[in-house]
N, C-alpha and C. Protein backbone atom coordinates (compact mmCIF):
# COMPACT_ATOMS: atom_id res chain seq x y z
N UNK A 1 307.87 211.88 135.98
CA UNK A 1 307.09 213.13 135.30
C UNK A 1 307.55 213.19 133.90
N UNK A 2 306.40 213.58 132.75
CA UNK A 2 306.94 214.45 131.71
C UNK A 2 307.04 215.38 131.65
N UNK A 3 307.63 216.39 130.87
CA UNK A 3 308.11 217.91 130.75
C UNK A 3 308.34 217.94 129.11
N UNK A 4 307.65 218.93 128.26
CA UNK A 4 307.36 219.13 127.07
C UNK A 4 308.96 219.07 127.01
N UNK A 5 309.58 218.18 125.21
CA UNK A 5 310.31 218.47 125.25
C UNK A 5 310.47 219.24 124.40
N UNK A 6 311.48 220.83 124.38
CA UNK A 6 311.76 221.37 123.61
C UNK A 6 312.69 221.35 121.99
N UNK A 7 313.35 220.14 122.07
CA UNK A 7 314.22 219.22 121.01
C UNK A 7 314.43 218.42 121.30
N UNK A 8 314.19 217.90 119.60
CA UNK A 8 314.20 216.30 119.96
C UNK A 8 315.10 215.42 118.92
N UNK A 9 316.08 215.09 119.58
CA UNK A 9 317.27 215.00 118.95
C UNK A 9 317.63 212.76 119.13
N UNK A 10 316.82 212.50 118.23
CA UNK A 10 316.96 210.88 118.77
C UNK A 10 318.27 210.08 117.58
N UNK A 11 318.45 209.19 117.43
CA UNK A 11 319.19 208.25 116.24
C UNK A 11 318.37 208.29 115.57
N UNK A 12 318.78 207.76 113.97
CA UNK A 12 318.26 207.82 112.91
C UNK A 12 317.01 206.52 113.56
N UNK A 13 317.16 205.22 113.96
CA UNK A 13 316.34 204.33 113.84
C UNK A 13 315.31 204.37 114.69
N UNK A 14 315.41 204.97 115.69
CA UNK A 14 314.76 205.80 116.53
C UNK A 14 313.85 206.29 116.60
N UNK A 15 314.03 207.77 115.24
CA UNK A 15 313.52 208.60 114.85
C UNK A 15 312.71 208.29 113.94
N UNK A 16 312.87 207.25 113.13
CA UNK A 16 312.41 206.23 112.29
C UNK A 16 310.88 205.55 112.67
N UNK A 17 311.04 205.28 113.94
CA UNK A 17 310.08 204.44 114.46
C UNK A 17 309.10 205.83 115.43
N UNK A 18 310.01 206.47 115.88
CA UNK A 18 309.13 207.16 116.64
C UNK A 18 308.39 208.15 115.16
N UNK A 19 308.33 208.89 114.05
CA UNK A 19 307.64 208.89 114.02
C UNK A 19 306.89 207.64 112.88
N UNK A 20 306.93 206.75 113.10
CA UNK A 20 306.20 205.79 112.32
C UNK A 20 304.69 205.84 113.20
N UNK A 21 305.02 206.18 114.60
CA UNK A 21 304.14 205.72 115.63
C UNK A 21 303.22 206.70 115.47
N UNK A 22 303.79 208.15 115.62
CA UNK A 22 302.98 209.31 115.37
C UNK A 22 302.12 208.98 113.89
N UNK A 23 302.63 209.09 112.97
CA UNK A 23 301.75 208.64 111.57
C UNK A 23 300.70 208.16 111.56
N UNK A 24 300.63 206.90 112.42
CA UNK A 24 299.83 206.03 112.66
C UNK A 24 299.08 206.60 113.96
N UNK A 25 299.08 207.44 114.62
CA UNK A 25 298.51 207.55 115.75
C UNK A 25 296.80 207.40 115.84
N UNK A 26 295.94 208.19 114.68
CA UNK A 26 294.74 207.27 114.53
C UNK A 26 294.20 206.19 114.45
N UNK A 27 293.37 205.95 116.01
CA UNK A 27 293.20 204.62 115.81
C UNK A 27 291.86 204.15 115.21
N UNK A 28 291.95 202.55 114.15
CA UNK A 28 290.99 202.85 113.63
C UNK A 28 289.94 201.45 114.42
N UNK A 29 289.01 201.28 113.18
CA UNK A 29 288.43 199.85 113.88
C UNK A 29 288.70 198.84 113.21
N UNK A 30 288.41 197.51 114.62
CA UNK A 30 289.35 196.81 114.17
C UNK A 30 288.53 195.88 113.03
N UNK A 31 289.48 195.69 111.88
CA UNK A 31 288.70 194.76 110.98
C UNK A 31 288.55 193.17 111.21
N UNK A 32 287.23 193.03 110.60
CA UNK A 32 286.54 191.27 111.02
C UNK A 32 287.83 190.54 110.49
N UNK A 33 288.84 190.68 109.29
CA UNK A 33 289.27 189.93 108.90
C UNK A 33 290.59 190.84 108.54
N UNK A 34 291.73 190.16 108.45
CA UNK A 34 292.77 191.04 108.48
C UNK A 34 293.19 191.22 106.63
N UNK A 35 293.20 192.42 106.64
CA UNK A 35 293.42 192.86 105.37
C UNK A 35 294.56 193.93 104.94
N UNK A 36 295.51 193.27 104.26
CA UNK A 36 296.79 193.90 103.98
C UNK A 36 296.69 195.52 103.09
N UNK A 37 296.09 195.46 102.84
CA UNK A 37 295.26 197.16 101.75
C UNK A 37 295.45 197.76 102.63
N UNK A 38 294.90 197.90 104.22
CA UNK A 38 294.79 198.84 105.14
C UNK A 38 296.10 199.60 105.28
N UNK A 39 296.04 200.99 105.54
CA UNK A 39 297.32 201.83 105.89
C UNK A 39 297.69 201.54 107.14
N UNK A 40 299.32 201.39 107.22
CA UNK A 40 300.05 201.33 108.58
C UNK A 40 299.29 202.15 109.57
N UNK A 41 299.46 201.92 110.45
CA UNK A 41 299.55 202.33 111.79
C UNK A 41 300.67 202.75 112.48
N UNK A 42 301.74 201.31 112.54
CA UNK A 42 303.15 201.53 112.83
C UNK A 42 303.82 200.62 111.84
N UNK A 43 305.32 200.72 112.08
CA UNK A 43 305.89 200.09 111.17
C UNK A 43 306.87 199.97 111.73
N UNK A 44 307.61 199.09 111.38
CA UNK A 44 309.12 198.78 112.29
C UNK A 44 309.95 197.69 111.31
N UNK A 45 311.23 197.62 111.45
CA UNK A 45 312.14 196.94 110.75
C UNK A 45 312.51 195.33 111.30
N UNK A 46 312.82 194.90 110.72
CA UNK A 46 312.99 192.74 111.31
C UNK A 46 314.42 193.43 111.61
N UNK A 47 315.00 193.34 112.38
CA UNK A 47 316.35 193.00 112.32
C UNK A 47 317.44 191.46 112.19
N UNK A 48 316.30 190.54 111.83
CA UNK A 48 316.59 189.50 111.19
C UNK A 48 317.28 189.76 109.61
N UNK A 49 316.37 190.21 109.17
CA UNK A 49 316.40 189.97 107.58
C UNK A 49 316.35 191.18 106.70
N UNK A 50 315.65 192.61 107.61
CA UNK A 50 315.72 193.50 106.82
C UNK A 50 314.24 193.89 106.68
N UNK A 51 313.27 192.72 106.78
CA UNK A 51 311.90 193.22 106.11
C UNK A 51 310.99 193.92 107.03
N UNK A 52 310.07 194.70 106.12
CA UNK A 52 309.42 195.53 106.80
C UNK A 52 308.24 194.78 107.68
N UNK A 53 307.77 195.79 108.83
CA UNK A 53 306.68 194.91 109.74
C UNK A 53 305.70 196.00 109.27
N UNK A 54 304.34 195.74 109.52
CA UNK A 54 303.51 196.84 109.25
C UNK A 54 302.25 196.38 110.41
N UNK A 55 301.85 197.34 111.43
CA UNK A 55 300.62 197.13 111.87
C UNK A 55 299.49 197.88 111.83
N UNK A 56 298.33 197.11 110.81
CA UNK A 56 297.48 197.54 110.17
C UNK A 56 296.25 197.03 110.81
N UNK A 57 295.48 196.85 111.87
CA UNK A 57 294.50 195.81 112.47
C UNK A 57 295.00 195.41 111.84
N UNK A 58 295.89 194.48 112.48
CA UNK A 58 296.52 192.90 112.30
C UNK A 58 298.27 193.39 112.06
N UNK A 59 298.82 192.47 111.66
CA UNK A 59 300.25 192.73 112.08
C UNK A 59 300.58 191.74 110.10
N UNK A 60 301.83 192.44 109.87
CA UNK A 60 301.93 191.97 108.06
C UNK A 60 303.38 192.36 107.71
N UNK A 61 304.24 191.13 106.54
CA UNK A 61 305.12 191.40 106.80
C UNK A 61 305.42 191.64 105.42
N UNK A 62 306.32 192.78 104.98
CA UNK A 62 306.61 192.65 103.09
C UNK A 62 308.42 192.15 103.11
N UNK A 63 308.39 191.53 102.28
CA UNK A 63 310.13 191.00 101.99
C UNK A 63 310.86 192.07 100.78
N UNK A 64 309.93 192.91 100.19
CA UNK A 64 310.00 193.31 99.00
C UNK A 64 309.65 195.34 99.15
N UNK A 65 310.62 195.76 99.90
CA UNK A 65 309.40 197.19 100.86
C UNK A 65 309.03 197.68 100.12
N UNK A 66 307.40 197.01 100.79
CA UNK A 66 306.43 197.55 100.41
C UNK A 66 305.60 196.64 99.66
N UNK A 67 305.95 196.52 98.45
CA UNK A 67 305.33 196.13 97.69
C UNK A 67 303.88 195.64 97.55
N UNK A 68 304.25 194.33 98.69
CA UNK A 68 303.42 193.17 98.74
C UNK A 68 303.35 192.95 100.07
N UNK A 69 302.83 192.60 101.26
CA UNK A 69 302.39 192.33 102.42
C UNK A 69 301.59 191.07 103.15
N UNK A 70 302.51 190.24 103.77
CA UNK A 70 301.89 189.29 104.18
C UNK A 70 301.44 188.85 105.20
N UNK A 71 300.14 188.39 106.01
CA UNK A 71 299.91 188.40 107.12
C UNK A 71 300.76 187.38 108.17
N UNK A 72 301.07 187.81 109.20
CA UNK A 72 301.59 187.07 110.22
C UNK A 72 300.71 185.92 111.38
N UNK A 73 300.75 184.98 111.30
CA UNK A 73 299.86 184.26 111.74
C UNK A 73 299.85 184.15 113.61
N UNK A 74 299.13 185.04 113.29
CA UNK A 74 298.71 185.22 114.60
C UNK A 74 297.76 184.19 115.41
N UNK A 75 297.56 183.18 116.69
CA UNK A 75 296.24 182.81 116.96
C UNK A 75 295.29 183.74 116.99
N UNK A 76 294.41 183.84 116.94
CA UNK A 76 293.13 184.56 117.02
C UNK A 76 292.79 184.67 118.01
N UNK A 77 292.95 184.40 119.31
CA UNK A 77 292.85 184.35 120.81
C UNK A 77 293.53 185.73 121.24
N UNK A 78 294.12 185.83 120.48
CA UNK A 78 295.27 187.60 120.83
C UNK A 78 294.76 188.68 120.01
N UNK A 79 294.19 188.57 119.34
CA UNK A 79 292.98 189.83 118.85
C UNK A 79 294.11 190.91 117.84
N UNK A 80 294.60 189.67 117.10
CA UNK A 80 295.53 190.38 115.68
C UNK A 80 294.94 191.21 115.06
N UNK A 81 293.68 191.26 114.65
CA UNK A 81 292.76 192.37 113.99
C UNK A 81 292.70 193.80 114.79
N UNK A 82 293.00 193.88 116.26
CA UNK A 82 293.35 195.08 117.24
C UNK A 82 294.45 195.27 117.21
N UNK A 83 296.07 194.75 116.76
CA UNK A 83 296.79 195.30 116.52
C UNK A 83 297.08 196.90 115.88
N UNK A 84 298.02 197.53 116.65
CA UNK A 84 298.20 198.55 116.16
C UNK A 84 299.36 199.45 116.18
N UNK A 85 299.94 198.52 116.98
CA UNK A 85 301.63 198.94 117.21
C UNK A 85 302.66 197.87 117.15
N UNK A 86 303.46 198.19 116.83
CA UNK A 86 304.78 197.12 116.30
C UNK A 86 306.35 197.53 116.63
N UNK A 87 307.14 196.92 117.71
CA UNK A 87 308.41 197.27 117.45
C UNK A 87 309.30 196.26 117.31
N UNK A 88 310.71 196.43 117.20
CA UNK A 88 311.71 195.43 117.03
C UNK A 88 312.91 195.30 117.79
N UNK A 89 313.83 195.01 117.97
CA UNK A 89 314.96 195.52 118.74
C UNK A 89 316.05 195.08 118.09
N UNK A 90 317.37 195.57 117.49
CA UNK A 90 318.38 194.94 117.42
C UNK A 90 318.94 194.14 118.28
N UNK A 91 318.85 194.37 120.14
CA UNK A 91 319.58 193.81 120.89
C UNK A 91 319.04 191.99 120.80
N UNK A 92 317.64 191.78 120.25
CA UNK A 92 316.83 190.42 120.25
C UNK A 92 316.26 190.48 119.00
N UNK A 93 317.43 190.39 118.16
CA UNK A 93 316.85 189.85 116.56
C UNK A 93 315.82 189.44 115.61
N UNK A 94 315.52 188.03 117.28
CA UNK A 94 314.37 187.57 116.92
C UNK A 94 312.71 188.03 117.27
N UNK A 95 313.07 188.69 118.06
CA UNK A 95 311.63 189.63 118.96
C UNK A 95 310.98 190.24 118.25
N UNK A 96 309.64 190.29 118.26
CA UNK A 96 308.63 190.87 117.47
C UNK A 96 307.51 191.00 118.39
N UNK A 97 307.47 192.77 118.95
CA UNK A 97 306.23 192.87 119.93
C UNK A 97 304.99 193.71 119.36
N UNK A 98 304.12 193.33 119.64
CA UNK A 98 302.67 194.47 119.14
C UNK A 98 301.85 194.62 120.15
N UNK A 99 301.35 195.87 120.14
CA UNK A 99 300.23 195.91 120.83
C UNK A 99 298.87 196.80 120.24
N UNK A 100 297.68 196.81 120.95
CA UNK A 100 296.58 197.42 120.33
C UNK A 100 295.62 197.50 121.29
N UNK A 101 294.38 199.05 121.42
CA UNK A 101 293.36 198.68 122.09
C UNK A 101 292.91 197.25 122.16
N UNK A 102 292.35 197.10 123.61
CA UNK A 102 291.86 195.74 122.96
C UNK A 102 292.10 194.57 123.02
N UNK A 103 293.94 194.37 122.69
CA UNK A 103 294.98 193.21 122.01
C UNK A 103 295.93 193.31 123.42
N UNK A 104 296.21 194.16 124.47
CA UNK A 104 296.95 194.21 125.51
C UNK A 104 298.48 194.03 124.43
N UNK A 105 299.16 193.30 124.91
CA UNK A 105 300.94 193.41 123.97
C UNK A 105 301.06 191.87 123.84
N UNK A 106 301.41 191.70 122.81
CA UNK A 106 301.77 190.20 122.23
C UNK A 106 303.14 190.10 122.06
N UNK A 107 303.36 189.10 121.89
CA UNK A 107 305.38 189.06 121.61
C UNK A 107 305.69 187.20 120.84
N UNK A 108 306.06 187.92 120.13
CA UNK A 108 307.13 186.48 119.43
C UNK A 108 308.82 186.40 119.81
N UNK A 109 309.33 185.28 119.90
CA UNK A 109 310.69 185.50 120.23
C UNK A 109 311.39 184.53 119.44
N UNK A 110 311.07 184.10 118.15
CA UNK A 110 311.06 182.97 117.29
C UNK A 110 310.68 183.81 115.68
N UNK A 111 310.89 185.39 115.93
CA UNK A 111 310.62 185.98 114.28
C UNK A 111 309.47 185.21 113.95
N UNK A 112 308.16 185.69 115.07
CA UNK A 112 306.81 185.59 114.23
C UNK A 112 306.44 184.19 114.50
N UNK A 113 306.90 183.31 114.33
CA UNK A 113 306.45 181.79 113.97
C UNK A 113 305.54 181.33 115.40
N UNK A 114 306.11 181.97 116.68
CA UNK A 114 304.52 181.21 117.86
C UNK A 114 304.75 183.19 118.33
N UNK A 115 303.28 182.89 119.23
CA UNK A 115 302.91 184.53 119.93
C UNK A 115 302.81 183.82 121.07
N UNK A 116 302.47 184.51 122.32
CA UNK A 116 302.37 185.03 123.08
C UNK A 116 301.78 186.05 123.73
N UNK A 117 300.67 185.91 125.07
CA UNK A 117 300.23 187.39 125.52
C UNK A 117 301.53 187.25 126.77
N UNK A 118 301.65 189.21 126.64
CA UNK A 118 303.19 189.56 127.54
C UNK A 118 302.48 190.54 127.68
N UNK A 119 301.37 190.14 128.57
CA UNK A 119 300.56 191.82 129.47
C UNK A 119 299.62 191.66 130.96
N UNK A 120 300.55 190.57 131.65
CA UNK A 120 300.48 190.21 132.53
C UNK A 120 300.83 191.30 133.76
N UNK A 121 299.37 191.91 134.41
CA UNK A 121 300.07 192.83 135.35
C UNK A 121 299.35 194.10 134.79
N UNK A 122 299.60 194.74 133.29
CA UNK A 122 298.63 195.09 133.33
C UNK A 122 297.15 195.54 133.13
N UNK A 123 296.40 196.84 134.07
CA UNK A 123 295.43 197.33 134.22
C UNK A 123 294.22 196.95 133.37
N UNK A 124 294.61 196.92 131.94
CA UNK A 124 293.71 197.50 131.10
C UNK A 124 293.91 196.52 129.89
N UNK A 125 294.00 195.26 128.98
CA UNK A 125 294.48 195.55 127.43
C UNK A 125 294.56 196.79 126.65
N UNK A 126 293.70 197.60 126.46
CA UNK A 126 293.86 199.12 125.61
C UNK A 126 295.05 199.71 125.56
N UNK A 127 295.91 199.29 125.29
CA UNK A 127 297.58 199.77 124.95
C UNK A 127 297.35 200.11 123.98
N UNK A 128 297.76 201.66 124.13
CA UNK A 128 297.59 202.91 122.81
C UNK A 128 299.23 203.39 122.39
N UNK A 129 300.19 202.77 123.25
CA UNK A 129 301.26 203.34 122.72
C UNK A 129 302.07 202.02 123.12
N UNK A 130 303.25 201.76 121.90
CA UNK A 130 304.42 200.62 122.80
C UNK A 130 305.63 201.45 122.37
N UNK A 131 306.46 200.72 123.24
CA UNK A 131 308.12 200.95 123.32
C UNK A 131 308.99 199.97 123.58
N UNK A 132 310.15 199.82 122.73
CA UNK A 132 311.25 198.80 123.58
C UNK A 132 312.42 199.45 124.11
N UNK A 133 312.93 199.23 125.13
CA UNK A 133 314.45 199.70 125.61
C UNK A 133 315.33 199.85 124.10
N UNK A 134 316.43 200.48 124.22
CA UNK A 134 317.16 201.24 123.06
C UNK A 134 318.05 199.33 123.08
N UNK A 135 318.39 199.01 124.37
CA UNK A 135 319.49 198.05 124.15
C UNK A 135 319.26 196.63 125.53
N UNK A 136 317.90 197.40 126.22
CA UNK A 136 317.56 196.12 127.46
C UNK A 136 316.16 195.11 126.57
N UNK A 137 316.32 194.56 125.66
CA UNK A 137 315.09 193.83 125.03
C UNK A 137 313.92 193.31 126.04
N UNK A 138 314.22 192.81 127.31
CA UNK A 138 313.20 192.67 128.02
C UNK A 138 312.47 193.90 128.45
N UNK A 139 312.93 194.82 128.25
CA UNK A 139 311.97 196.21 128.72
C UNK A 139 310.99 196.73 128.05
N UNK A 140 310.19 196.64 128.25
CA UNK A 140 308.96 197.07 127.59
C UNK A 140 308.19 198.43 128.21
N UNK A 141 307.71 199.34 127.04
CA UNK A 141 306.62 200.50 128.27
C UNK A 141 305.09 200.88 127.37
N UNK A 142 304.02 201.00 127.99
CA UNK A 142 303.02 200.66 127.38
C UNK A 142 302.56 201.81 128.15
N UNK A 143 301.71 202.12 127.16
CA UNK A 143 300.59 203.42 127.53
C UNK A 143 299.33 203.03 127.72
N UNK A 144 298.35 203.58 128.63
CA UNK A 144 297.42 203.12 128.86
C UNK A 144 296.42 203.93 128.98
N UNK A 145 295.69 204.98 128.18
CA UNK A 145 295.11 205.96 128.41
C UNK A 145 293.91 205.84 129.48
N UNK A 146 293.85 207.14 130.73
CA UNK A 146 293.59 207.47 131.52
C UNK A 146 294.04 206.31 132.89
N UNK A 147 295.51 205.47 132.29
CA UNK A 147 295.96 204.97 133.36
C UNK A 147 297.19 205.65 133.54
N UNK A 148 297.96 205.58 132.56
CA UNK A 148 299.47 206.09 132.22
C UNK A 148 300.44 205.38 131.86
N UNK A 149 301.92 205.61 131.92
CA UNK A 149 302.96 204.93 131.63
C UNK A 149 303.41 203.26 132.22
N UNK A 150 303.45 202.14 131.83
CA UNK A 150 303.60 200.81 132.31
C UNK A 150 304.79 201.04 131.87
N UNK A 151 305.80 199.79 132.78
CA UNK A 151 307.24 199.23 132.10
C UNK A 151 306.81 197.78 132.62
N UNK A 152 307.84 196.91 132.01
CA UNK A 152 308.27 195.84 132.14
C UNK A 152 309.44 195.55 132.00
N UNK A 153 310.15 194.70 133.08
CA UNK A 153 311.63 194.42 132.94
C UNK A 153 312.18 193.12 132.73
N UNK A 154 311.35 191.98 132.28
CA UNK A 154 311.22 190.41 131.93
C UNK A 154 310.36 190.33 131.15
N UNK A 155 310.48 191.27 129.84
CA UNK A 155 309.78 191.02 128.52
C UNK A 155 308.29 190.65 128.67
N UNK A 156 307.51 191.59 129.51
CA UNK A 156 305.82 190.73 129.71
C UNK A 156 305.29 190.55 130.47
N UNK A 157 306.24 189.61 131.32
CA UNK A 157 305.69 188.87 132.77
C UNK A 157 305.11 189.62 133.47
N UNK A 158 305.54 190.53 133.97
CA UNK A 158 304.89 191.49 135.04
C UNK A 158 305.56 192.88 134.72
N UNK A 159 304.01 193.59 134.63
CA UNK A 159 303.91 195.11 134.61
C UNK A 159 304.04 195.85 135.82
N UNK A 160 304.46 197.19 135.61
CA UNK A 160 304.27 198.40 136.63
C UNK A 160 303.96 199.71 136.21
N UNK A 161 303.28 200.38 137.02
CA UNK A 161 303.22 201.50 136.76
C UNK A 161 304.23 202.21 136.89
N UNK A 162 304.69 203.28 136.10
CA UNK A 162 305.42 204.05 136.35
C UNK A 162 305.34 205.44 136.64
N UNK A 163 304.79 206.13 135.61
CA UNK A 163 304.33 207.42 135.43
C UNK A 163 302.72 207.53 134.58
N UNK A 164 301.87 208.53 135.25
CA UNK A 164 300.57 208.98 134.70
C UNK A 164 300.93 209.24 133.51
N UNK A 165 302.17 209.69 133.19
CA UNK A 165 302.41 210.46 131.69
C UNK A 165 301.75 211.93 131.36
N UNK A 166 301.84 212.32 130.07
CA UNK A 166 301.38 213.65 129.98
C UNK A 166 299.77 214.08 129.86
N UNK A 167 299.53 214.99 129.95
CA UNK A 167 298.03 215.07 130.37
C UNK A 167 297.45 215.01 128.91
N UNK A 168 298.26 215.68 128.29
CA UNK A 168 297.95 214.95 126.70
C UNK A 168 297.87 214.10 126.30
N UNK A 169 296.84 213.28 125.37
CA UNK A 169 296.64 211.92 124.55
C UNK A 169 297.80 211.24 123.75
N UNK A 170 298.55 210.43 124.77
CA UNK A 170 299.61 209.56 124.54
C UNK A 170 299.40 209.25 122.97
N UNK A 171 299.95 208.94 121.54
CA UNK A 171 300.01 208.50 120.67
C UNK A 171 301.12 207.14 120.00
N UNK A 172 302.47 207.82 120.98
CA UNK A 172 303.09 206.93 120.38
C UNK A 172 304.70 207.13 121.61
N UNK A 173 304.71 206.17 121.72
CA UNK A 173 306.13 206.17 122.60
C UNK A 173 307.52 205.79 121.96
N UNK A 174 308.91 206.32 122.36
CA UNK A 174 309.80 205.89 121.78
C UNK A 174 311.30 206.21 122.76
N UNK A 175 311.92 205.14 123.29
CA UNK A 175 313.38 204.97 123.88
C UNK A 175 314.55 205.38 123.40
N UNK A 176 314.98 206.19 123.57
CA UNK A 176 316.21 206.61 123.01
C UNK A 176 317.43 207.18 124.12
N UNK A 177 319.25 206.32 124.04
CA UNK A 177 320.09 206.60 124.83
C UNK A 177 320.87 207.39 124.80
N UNK A 178 320.07 209.05 124.83
CA UNK A 178 320.74 210.05 124.78
C UNK A 178 321.81 210.56 125.95
N UNK A 179 322.53 211.18 125.43
CA UNK A 179 323.26 211.01 126.65
C UNK A 179 322.64 212.13 128.16
N UNK A 180 322.65 211.88 129.48
CA UNK A 180 322.83 212.94 130.26
C UNK A 180 321.58 212.19 131.06
N UNK A 181 321.28 210.97 130.83
CA UNK A 181 320.40 209.83 131.30
C UNK A 181 320.95 209.96 132.69
N UNK A 182 320.26 209.80 133.98
CA UNK A 182 320.31 209.20 135.07
C UNK A 182 320.72 207.95 135.18
N UNK A 183 319.47 207.41 134.05
CA UNK A 183 319.55 205.51 134.32
C UNK A 183 320.22 205.01 132.81
N UNK A 184 319.09 204.69 131.62
CA UNK A 184 319.93 203.86 130.87
C UNK A 184 319.19 204.21 129.39
N UNK A 185 318.47 205.83 129.63
CA UNK A 185 317.90 206.41 128.41
C UNK A 185 317.09 207.18 128.72
N UNK A 186 316.80 207.80 127.81
CA UNK A 186 315.11 208.81 128.12
C UNK A 186 313.94 208.23 127.23
N UNK A 187 312.77 208.47 127.73
CA UNK A 187 311.67 208.24 127.29
C UNK A 187 310.96 209.41 126.85
N UNK A 188 310.36 209.18 125.55
CA UNK A 188 309.78 210.28 124.85
C UNK A 188 308.43 209.80 124.73
N UNK A 189 307.10 210.69 124.54
CA UNK A 189 305.98 210.31 124.42
C UNK A 189 305.69 211.57 123.27
N UNK A 190 304.93 210.99 122.40
CA UNK A 190 303.61 211.82 121.72
C UNK A 190 302.76 212.25 121.81
N UNK A 191 302.29 213.26 121.44
CA UNK A 191 301.12 213.45 121.78
C UNK A 191 300.52 214.47 120.85
N UNK A 192 299.27 214.75 120.71
CA UNK A 192 298.75 216.12 119.87
C UNK A 192 299.17 216.66 120.21
N UNK A 193 299.90 217.67 121.28
CA UNK A 193 300.17 218.93 121.16
C UNK A 193 302.06 219.07 121.20
N UNK A 194 302.32 217.57 120.91
CA UNK A 194 304.05 217.68 120.29
C UNK A 194 304.98 217.13 121.47
N UNK A 195 306.08 216.51 121.34
CA UNK A 195 306.93 215.62 122.12
C UNK A 195 306.81 215.48 123.95
N UNK A 196 307.06 214.78 124.55
CA UNK A 196 307.40 214.91 126.13
C UNK A 196 308.41 213.99 126.24
N UNK A 197 308.87 214.51 126.77
CA UNK A 197 310.47 214.19 127.54
C UNK A 197 310.30 213.36 129.07
N UNK A 198 310.62 212.40 129.10
CA UNK A 198 310.36 212.28 130.59
C UNK A 198 311.63 212.27 131.08
N UNK A 199 311.35 213.02 133.09
CA UNK A 199 312.76 213.18 133.60
C UNK A 199 313.04 212.28 134.71
N UNK A 200 312.20 211.50 134.65
CA UNK A 200 312.23 210.49 136.13
C UNK A 200 313.05 209.48 135.12
N UNK A 201 314.05 208.15 136.05
CA UNK A 201 314.86 207.48 135.57
C UNK A 201 314.05 206.13 134.78
N UNK A 202 314.07 206.32 133.82
CA UNK A 202 313.61 204.78 133.01
C UNK A 202 314.34 204.49 132.67
């Protein structure tokens, strides 16, 4: 169950990712071709080399602090133009995970050189929000509108529904290892009327 979070205190990296997700919460129609000039819908940092990753109806990398962007070579059958979320984790430096409505969840474990679908068991590919566990890189969380919050512990091979989520539309997720959790951390959901905190064992 998610409750309204009166105070949001995340680590610097988690907060940066959370703000990026909220800032890019408005869905935009998928582009027919990947356009690096499109505004970012989500941002992440590649822990391998510090490069910026941008989801903007496609996935792009910048090695010059955002001055220029290069599309990542994601196979067309994985719907790269529909990707609107991207997450990384220092617990698995080569892992890049992206998602979006109509694209489901896609994953690379070799820093973006090869990609595969990671959404087996999800009831829909309309993933509106995505997060990775703070220190378990195989644990991911996805929100599907009108379906709820889903979790995988095996890097996307199988997913299970965990919670219906807040009543408000979820536009971003963030996992944080704040003290006091009954399990391995807290899951926050960003909504149009503020953040919510899961009180269940995530």
